[in-house]
Amino acid sequence: MIGFCFHDCREEFRETFKKEHPKNKSVAAVGKAAGEKWKSLTDAEKQPYISRAEKRKAEYEKKMKAYNKEQAEGPKDEEESEKSMSEVNDDEDDEEGSGEEDDDEE
């Protein structure tokens, strides 16, 4: 969970750091400074980031559960994909004959 919290904090810190140090292009320097900033924050200062991370994690888990359930159930017969529908239609056209192939043979 700390990684998610730190990520949000780091993103905000990176923007501020770039404004304060526009000539510094070192990714390592920004990362090191962000890590030091995170370590210096109190638990109360970290709490908004922790709350956001918990909310995002819960949303992710909910979506993953729904996705895994959908994958386990497999495709629905009633809802064929557009590709499979077009393949079915192509097969029907071939069986009926479009008449275009006869013109090319002459």
N, C-alpha and C. Protein backbone atom coordinates (compact mmCIF):
# COMPACT_ATOMS: atom_id res chain seq x y z
N MET A 1 0.83 -1.19 0.00
CA MET A 1 0.00 0.00 0.00
C MET A 1 0.87 1.25 0.00
N ILE A 2 2.01 1.18 0.67
CA ILE A 2 2.90 2.33 0.75
C ILE A 2 3.33 2.78 -0.64
N GLY A 3 3.54 1.83 -1.53
CA GLY A 3 3.96 2.17 -2.89
C GLY A 3 2.94 3.03 -3.60
N PHE A 4 1.67 2.69 -3.45
CA PHE A 4 0.61 3.47 -4.08
C PHE A 4 0.55 4.87 -3.48
N CYS A 5 0.69 4.94 -2.17
CA CYS A 5 0.63 6.24 -1.49
C CYS A 5 1.80 7.11 -1.95
N PHE A 6 2.97 6.51 -1.96
CA PHE A 6 4.17 7.23 -2.34
C PHE A 6 4.08 7.70 -3.79
N HIS A 7 3.47 6.89 -4.65
CA HIS A 7 3.34 7.25 -6.06
C HIS A 7 2.56 8.55 -6.23
N ASP A 8 1.44 8.69 -5.56
CA ASP A 8 0.64 9.92 -5.65
C ASP A 8 1.43 11.12 -5.13
N CYS A 9 2.08 10.92 -4.02
CA CYS A 9 2.86 12.00 -3.42
C CYS A 9 4.01 12.38 -4.36
N ARG A 10 4.67 11.38 -4.94
CA ARG A 10 5.80 11.62 -5.83
C ARG A 10 5.37 12.41 -7.06
N GLU A 11 4.19 12.08 -7.61
CA GLU A 11 3.70 12.81 -8.78
C GLU A 11 3.51 14.29 -8.47
N GLU A 12 2.90 14.58 -7.34
CA GLU A 12 2.70 15.97 -6.95
C GLU A 12 4.04 16.65 -6.68
N PHE A 13 4.94 15.92 -6.00
CA PHE A 13 6.25 16.47 -5.69
C PHE A 13 7.04 16.75 -6.96
N ARG A 14 6.96 15.86 -7.93
CA ARG A 14 7.71 16.01 -9.18
C ARG A 14 7.33 17.32 -9.88
N GLU A 15 6.05 17.63 -9.92
CA GLU A 15 5.60 18.88 -10.54
C GLU A 15 6.18 20.10 -9.82
N THR A 16 6.12 20.07 -8.51
CA THR A 16 6.66 21.18 -7.72
C THR A 16 8.17 21.29 -7.90
N PHE A 17 8.84 20.16 -7.87
CA PHE A 17 10.30 20.13 -8.00
C PHE A 17 10.73 20.70 -9.36
N LYS A 18 10.02 20.34 -10.42
CA LYS A 18 10.37 20.85 -11.76
C LYS A 18 10.20 22.36 -11.84
N LYS A 19 9.18 22.90 -11.17
CA LYS A 19 8.98 24.34 -11.18
C LYS A 19 10.10 25.05 -10.41
N GLU A 20 10.51 24.46 -9.29
CA GLU A 20 11.55 25.07 -8.46
C GLU A 20 12.95 24.87 -9.03
N HIS A 21 13.16 23.81 -9.80
CA HIS A 21 14.48 23.48 -10.37
C HIS A 21 14.33 23.18 -11.87
N PRO A 22 14.02 24.19 -12.67
CA PRO A 22 13.73 23.95 -14.10
C PRO A 22 14.93 23.42 -14.89
N LYS A 23 16.14 23.67 -14.45
CA LYS A 23 17.32 23.23 -15.19
C LYS A 23 17.74 21.81 -14.84
N ASN A 24 17.21 21.27 -13.75
CA ASN A 24 17.58 19.92 -13.32
C ASN A 24 16.77 18.90 -14.11
N LYS A 25 17.43 18.13 -14.96
CA LYS A 25 16.75 17.14 -15.80
C LYS A 25 17.01 15.71 -15.31
N SER A 26 17.68 15.55 -14.17
CA SER A 26 18.04 14.23 -13.67
C SER A 26 16.85 13.54 -13.01
N VAL A 27 16.47 12.41 -13.56
CA VAL A 27 15.38 11.61 -13.00
C VAL A 27 15.78 11.10 -11.62
N ALA A 28 17.03 10.70 -11.49
CA ALA A 28 17.52 10.18 -10.21
C ALA A 28 17.43 11.24 -9.12
N ALA A 29 17.77 12.48 -9.45
CA ALA A 29 17.72 13.56 -8.46
C ALA A 29 16.29 13.81 -8.00
N VAL A 30 15.36 13.78 -8.93
CA VAL A 30 13.95 14.00 -8.59
C VAL A 30 13.45 12.85 -7.72
N GLY A 31 13.79 11.63 -8.09
CA GLY A 31 13.37 10.46 -7.32
C GLY A 31 13.93 10.46 -5.91
N LYS A 32 15.20 10.81 -5.80
CA LYS A 32 15.83 10.85 -4.48
C LYS A 32 15.20 11.93 -3.62
N ALA A 33 14.96 13.10 -4.19
CA ALA A 33 14.35 14.19 -3.45
C ALA A 33 12.92 13.83 -3.03
N ALA A 34 12.20 13.15 -3.91
CA ALA A 34 10.83 12.73 -3.58
C ALA A 34 10.83 11.72 -2.44
N GLY A 35 11.76 10.79 -2.47
CA GLY A 35 11.87 9.80 -1.39
C GLY A 35 12.18 10.45 -0.06
N GLU A 36 13.07 11.42 -0.08
CA GLU A 36 13.42 12.14 1.15
C GLU A 36 12.21 12.92 1.67
N LYS A 37 11.47 13.52 0.75
CA LYS A 37 10.28 14.28 1.14
C LYS A 37 9.25 13.35 1.79
N TRP A 38 9.01 12.17 1.20
CA TRP A 38 8.05 11.21 1.72
C TRP A 38 8.44 10.77 3.13
N LYS A 39 9.71 10.49 3.32
CA LYS A 39 10.19 10.05 4.63
C LYS A 39 10.04 11.14 5.68
N SER A 40 10.09 12.39 5.26
CA SER A 40 10.01 13.50 6.21
C SER A 40 8.56 13.84 6.60
N LEU A 41 7.59 13.34 5.85
CA LEU A 41 6.19 13.63 6.15
C LEU A 41 5.74 12.90 7.41
N THR A 42 4.86 13.55 8.16
CA THR A 42 4.28 12.90 9.34
C THR A 42 3.16 11.97 8.87
N ASP A 43 2.69 11.13 9.77
CA ASP A 43 1.58 10.23 9.44
C ASP A 43 0.34 11.02 9.03
N ALA A 44 0.11 12.14 9.68
CA ALA A 44 -1.06 12.98 9.35
C ALA A 44 -0.91 13.56 7.94
N GLU A 45 0.29 13.92 7.55
CA GLU A 45 0.52 14.47 6.22
C GLU A 45 0.41 13.39 5.15
N LYS A 46 0.72 12.16 5.50
CA LYS A 46 0.63 11.05 4.55
C LYS A 46 -0.80 10.54 4.38
N GLN A 47 -1.66 10.83 5.35
CA GLN A 47 -3.01 10.27 5.37
C GLN A 47 -3.83 10.52 4.10
N PRO A 48 -3.82 11.72 3.49
CA PRO A 48 -4.61 11.91 2.27
C PRO A 48 -4.14 10.97 1.14
N TYR A 49 -2.85 10.75 1.05
CA TYR A 49 -2.31 9.85 0.02
C TYR A 49 -2.70 8.40 0.30
N ILE A 50 -2.68 8.04 1.58
CA ILE A 50 -3.05 6.68 1.98
C ILE A 50 -4.54 6.44 1.69
N SER A 51 -5.38 7.42 2.00
CA SER A 51 -6.81 7.30 1.74
C SER A 51 -7.10 7.14 0.25
N ARG A 52 -6.43 7.96 -0.57
CA ARG A 52 -6.62 7.85 -2.03
C ARG A 52 -6.17 6.49 -2.54
N ALA A 53 -5.04 6.01 -2.01
CA ALA A 53 -4.52 4.72 -2.45
C ALA A 53 -5.47 3.59 -2.07
N GLU A 54 -6.04 3.64 -0.88
CA GLU A 54 -6.99 2.62 -0.45
C GLU A 54 -8.24 2.62 -1.33
N LYS A 55 -8.72 3.80 -1.68
CA LYS A 55 -9.90 3.92 -2.54
C LYS A 55 -9.60 3.36 -3.93
N ARG A 56 -8.46 3.72 -4.50
CA ARG A 56 -8.08 3.22 -5.82
C ARG A 56 -7.86 1.70 -5.80
N LYS A 57 -7.30 1.19 -4.71
CA LYS A 57 -7.08 -0.25 -4.61
C LYS A 57 -8.42 -0.98 -4.57
N ALA A 58 -9.39 -0.46 -3.82
CA ALA A 58 -10.71 -1.08 -3.73
C ALA A 58 -11.40 -1.08 -5.10
N GLU A 59 -11.29 0.03 -5.84
CA GLU A 59 -11.87 0.09 -7.18
C GLU A 59 -11.21 -0.92 -8.11
N TYR A 60 -9.89 -1.02 -8.02
CA TYR A 60 -9.14 -1.97 -8.85
C TYR A 60 -9.58 -3.40 -8.56
N GLU A 61 -9.67 -3.74 -7.27
CA GLU A 61 -10.07 -5.10 -6.90
C GLU A 61 -11.48 -5.41 -7.37
N LYS A 62 -12.38 -4.45 -7.30
CA LYS A 62 -13.76 -4.63 -7.77
C LYS A 62 -13.78 -4.90 -9.27
N LYS A 63 -13.02 -4.10 -10.02
CA LYS A 63 -12.96 -4.28 -11.48
C LYS A 63 -12.31 -5.61 -11.84
N MET A 64 -11.27 -6.00 -11.12
CA MET A 64 -10.61 -7.27 -11.40
C MET A 64 -11.53 -8.46 -11.10
N LYS A 65 -12.31 -8.36 -10.05
CA LYS A 65 -13.25 -9.41 -9.70
C LYS A 65 -14.29 -9.57 -10.81
N ALA A 66 -14.82 -8.45 -11.30
CA ALA A 66 -15.80 -8.48 -12.38
C ALA A 66 -15.17 -9.03 -13.66
N TYR A 67 -13.95 -8.62 -13.95
CA TYR A 67 -13.25 -9.09 -15.14
C TYR A 67 -13.01 -10.59 -15.07
N ASN A 68 -12.51 -11.06 -13.93
CA ASN A 68 -12.24 -12.49 -13.77
C ASN A 68 -13.52 -13.31 -13.86
N LYS A 69 -14.62 -12.80 -13.33
CA LYS A 69 -15.90 -13.49 -13.41
C LYS A 69 -16.34 -13.59 -14.88
N GLU A 70 -16.18 -12.49 -15.61
CA GLU A 70 -16.55 -12.47 -17.02
C GLU A 70 -15.69 -13.46 -17.82
N GLN A 71 -14.41 -13.53 -17.51
CA GLN A 71 -13.52 -14.45 -18.21
C GLN A 71 -13.88 -15.91 -17.91
N ALA A 72 -14.27 -16.19 -16.68
CA ALA A 72 -14.62 -17.54 -16.29
C ALA A 72 -15.91 -18.00 -16.97
N GLU A 73 -16.84 -17.07 -17.17
CA GLU A 73 -18.11 -17.41 -17.81
C GLU A 73 -17.95 -17.64 -19.31
N GLY A 74 -16.95 -17.05 -19.92
CA GLY A 74 -16.73 -17.20 -21.35
C GLY A 74 -17.63 -16.30 -22.14
N PRO A 75 -17.50 -16.34 -23.47
CA PRO A 75 -18.31 -15.46 -24.32
C PRO A 75 -19.78 -15.86 -24.27
N LYS A 76 -20.63 -14.88 -24.41
CA LYS A 76 -22.07 -15.12 -24.40
C LYS A 76 -22.51 -15.43 -25.82
N ASP A 77 -23.38 -16.42 -25.98
CA ASP A 77 -23.86 -16.83 -27.30
C ASP A 77 -24.64 -15.72 -27.98
N GLU A 78 -25.39 -14.96 -27.20
CA GLU A 78 -26.26 -13.93 -27.76
C GLU A 78 -25.47 -12.73 -28.28
N GLU A 79 -24.33 -12.49 -27.68
CA GLU A 79 -23.56 -11.31 -28.04
C GLU A 79 -22.27 -11.72 -28.75
N GLU A 80 -22.35 -11.97 -30.04
CA GLU A 80 -21.17 -12.32 -30.80
C GLU A 80 -20.40 -11.05 -31.13
N SER A 81 -19.09 -11.20 -31.27
CA SER A 81 -18.29 -10.04 -31.61
C SER A 81 -18.56 -9.62 -33.05
N GLU A 82 -18.19 -8.40 -33.39
CA GLU A 82 -18.40 -7.90 -34.74
C GLU A 82 -17.60 -8.73 -35.73
N LYS A 83 -16.42 -9.16 -35.35
CA LYS A 83 -15.58 -9.95 -36.26
C LYS A 83 -16.26 -11.27 -36.58
N SER A 84 -16.77 -11.94 -35.55
CA SER A 84 -17.39 -13.23 -35.82
C SER A 84 -18.66 -13.06 -36.65
N MET A 85 -19.40 -11.98 -36.43
CA MET A 85 -20.60 -11.72 -37.23
C MET A 85 -20.22 -11.47 -38.68
N SER A 86 -19.14 -10.74 -38.92
CA SER A 86 -18.75 -10.47 -40.30
C SER A 86 -18.26 -11.74 -40.97
N GLU A 87 -17.61 -12.62 -40.21
CA GLU A 87 -17.17 -13.89 -40.79
C GLU A 87 -18.37 -14.74 -41.18
N VAL A 88 -19.42 -14.73 -40.36
CA VAL A 88 -20.63 -15.47 -40.68
C VAL A 88 -21.25 -14.91 -41.95
N ASN A 89 -21.33 -13.61 -42.05
CA ASN A 89 -21.90 -12.97 -43.24
C ASN A 89 -21.05 -13.25 -44.48
N ASP A 90 -19.74 -13.28 -44.34
CA ASP A 90 -18.87 -13.59 -45.48
C ASP A 90 -19.12 -15.00 -45.98
N ASP A 91 -19.29 -15.93 -45.06
CA ASP A 91 -19.54 -17.32 -45.43
C ASP A 91 -20.86 -17.45 -46.19
N GLU A 92 -21.88 -16.72 -45.75
CA GLU A 92 -23.17 -16.77 -46.43
C GLU A 92 -23.07 -16.20 -47.84
N ASP A 93 -22.30 -15.14 -48.02
CA ASP A 93 -22.12 -14.53 -49.34
C ASP A 93 -21.44 -15.51 -50.28
N ASP A 94 -20.45 -16.27 -49.78
CA ASP A 94 -19.73 -17.22 -50.61
C ASP A 94 -20.64 -18.35 -51.09
N GLU A 95 -21.54 -18.79 -50.20
CA GLU A 95 -22.43 -19.90 -50.54
C GLU A 95 -23.46 -19.48 -51.59
N GLU A 96 -23.98 -18.26 -51.47
CA GLU A 96 -25.01 -17.79 -52.38
C GLU A 96 -24.42 -17.36 -53.71
N GLY A 97 -23.18 -16.92 -53.69
CA GLY A 97 -22.54 -16.43 -54.90
C GLY A 97 -22.96 -15.01 -55.17
N SER A 98 -22.00 -14.17 -55.40
CA SER A 98 -22.32 -12.76 -55.61
C SER A 98 -22.41 -12.41 -57.08
N GLY A 99 -21.95 -13.31 -57.94
CA GLY A 99 -22.02 -13.05 -59.36
C GLY A 99 -20.82 -12.27 -59.85
N GLU A 100 -20.05 -11.69 -58.97
CA GLU A 100 -18.89 -10.92 -59.37
C GLU A 100 -17.78 -11.82 -59.88
N GLU A 101 -17.64 -12.99 -59.31
CA GLU A 101 -16.57 -13.89 -59.71
C GLU A 101 -16.77 -14.38 -61.13
N ASP A 102 -18.01 -14.56 -61.57
CA ASP A 102 -18.29 -15.03 -62.91
C ASP A 102 -17.82 -14.02 -63.95
N ASP A 103 -17.94 -12.73 -63.67
CA ASP A 103 -17.54 -11.70 -64.61
C ASP A 103 -16.02 -11.69 -64.81
N ASP A 104 -15.27 -12.01 -63.76
CA ASP A 104 -13.81 -11.98 -63.85
C ASP A 104 -13.28 -13.13 -64.68
N GLU A 105 -13.99 -14.23 -64.77
CA GLU A 105 -13.51 -15.42 -65.46
C GLU A 105 -13.59 -15.28 -66.96
N GLU A 106 -14.36 -14.40 -67.50
CA GLU A 106 -14.56 -14.27 -68.95
C GLU A 106 -13.40 -13.69 -69.65
